[in-house]
Protein backbone atom coordinates (compact mmCIF):
# COMPACT_ATOMS: atom_id res chain seq x y z
CA MET A 1 -7.60 -17.32 14.27
CA SER A 2 -4.51 -17.69 12.14
CA LYS A 3 -3.17 -14.99 9.87
CA TYR A 4 -4.03 -17.21 6.88
CA GLU A 5 -7.72 -17.54 7.72
CA PRO A 6 -8.78 -14.94 5.08
CA LEU A 7 -7.22 -17.19 2.43
CA TRP A 8 -8.89 -20.32 3.78
CA LYS A 9 -12.27 -18.55 3.83
CA TYR A 10 -11.73 -17.26 0.28
CA LEU A 11 -11.17 -20.81 -0.97
CA LYS A 12 -14.16 -22.21 0.90
CA GLU A 13 -16.56 -19.44 -0.12
CA ASN A 14 -15.73 -19.70 -3.83
CA ARG A 15 -16.23 -23.49 -3.80
CA LYS A 16 -14.07 -24.46 -6.75
CA GLU A 17 -12.70 -27.98 -7.07
CA ASN A 18 -9.17 -26.60 -7.29
CA TYR A 19 -7.35 -23.32 -7.46
CA LYS A 20 -4.05 -22.22 -8.89
CA LEU A 21 -3.25 -18.93 -7.22
CA SER A 22 -0.17 -16.82 -7.78
CA TYR A 23 1.77 -15.43 -4.85
CA GLU A 24 0.51 -11.99 -5.93
CA GLU A 25 -3.15 -13.12 -5.85
CA ILE A 26 -2.60 -14.58 -2.40
CA LYS A 27 -0.99 -11.33 -1.27
CA ASN A 28 -4.07 -9.45 -2.46
CA ILE A 29 -6.35 -11.75 -0.46
CA LEU A 30 -4.23 -11.68 2.71
CA GLY A 31 -2.81 -8.18 2.59
CA PHE A 32 0.77 -9.42 3.10
CA ASP A 33 3.42 -11.51 1.33
CA LEU A 34 3.68 -15.24 1.93
CA ASP A 35 6.49 -16.29 4.23
CA HIS A 36 7.90 -19.57 5.53
CA SER A 37 5.23 -19.77 8.22
CA PHE A 38 2.82 -20.79 5.43
CA LEU A 39 4.40 -24.24 5.53
CA THR A 40 3.40 -24.58 9.18
CA TYR A 41 -0.08 -23.13 8.79
CA LYS A 42 -1.02 -24.95 5.58
CA LYS A 43 -2.36 -27.90 7.60
CA GLU A 44 -5.21 -25.65 8.82
CA ILE A 45 -6.77 -25.59 5.36
CA LYS A 46 -8.07 -29.14 5.79
CA GLU A 47 -10.63 -27.75 8.25
CA TYR A 48 -12.03 -25.77 5.30
CA GLY A 49 -12.19 -28.76 2.94
CA TYR A 50 -9.01 -28.17 0.94
CA GLU A 51 -5.38 -29.25 0.85
CA VAL A 52 -2.24 -27.76 -0.62
CA GLY A 53 -1.48 -29.67 -3.81
CA LYS A 54 1.73 -28.13 -5.10
CA ILE A 55 3.86 -25.13 -4.29
CA SER A 56 5.87 -23.93 -7.29
CA MET A 57 8.73 -21.63 -6.40
CA LYS A 58 9.60 -21.26 -10.08
CA GLU A 59 6.10 -20.22 -11.23
CA LYS A 60 5.32 -18.53 -7.89
CA THR A 61 2.00 -20.35 -7.61
CA ILE A 62 0.23 -22.63 -5.18
CA ILE A 63 -2.35 -25.23 -6.15
CA PHE A 64 -5.16 -25.94 -3.70
CA ASN A 65 -7.40 -29.02 -4.15
CA LYS A 66 -10.78 -29.75 -2.63
CA ILE A 67 -10.78 -32.88 -0.49
């Protein structure tokens, strides 16, 4: 189990077509701040039916899209 699994489960359980989550919202789901390891682990989300669409450093948001 990866440290990002609570986020992947959150996305899958809520079943939206896409999400735009702020870094703060993600922190609330995970219980910790995002770090660079997210870039390595983001490939795991495909197992849950989603993909990372866009990471905005300026807006501090991440878009997730259902695949």
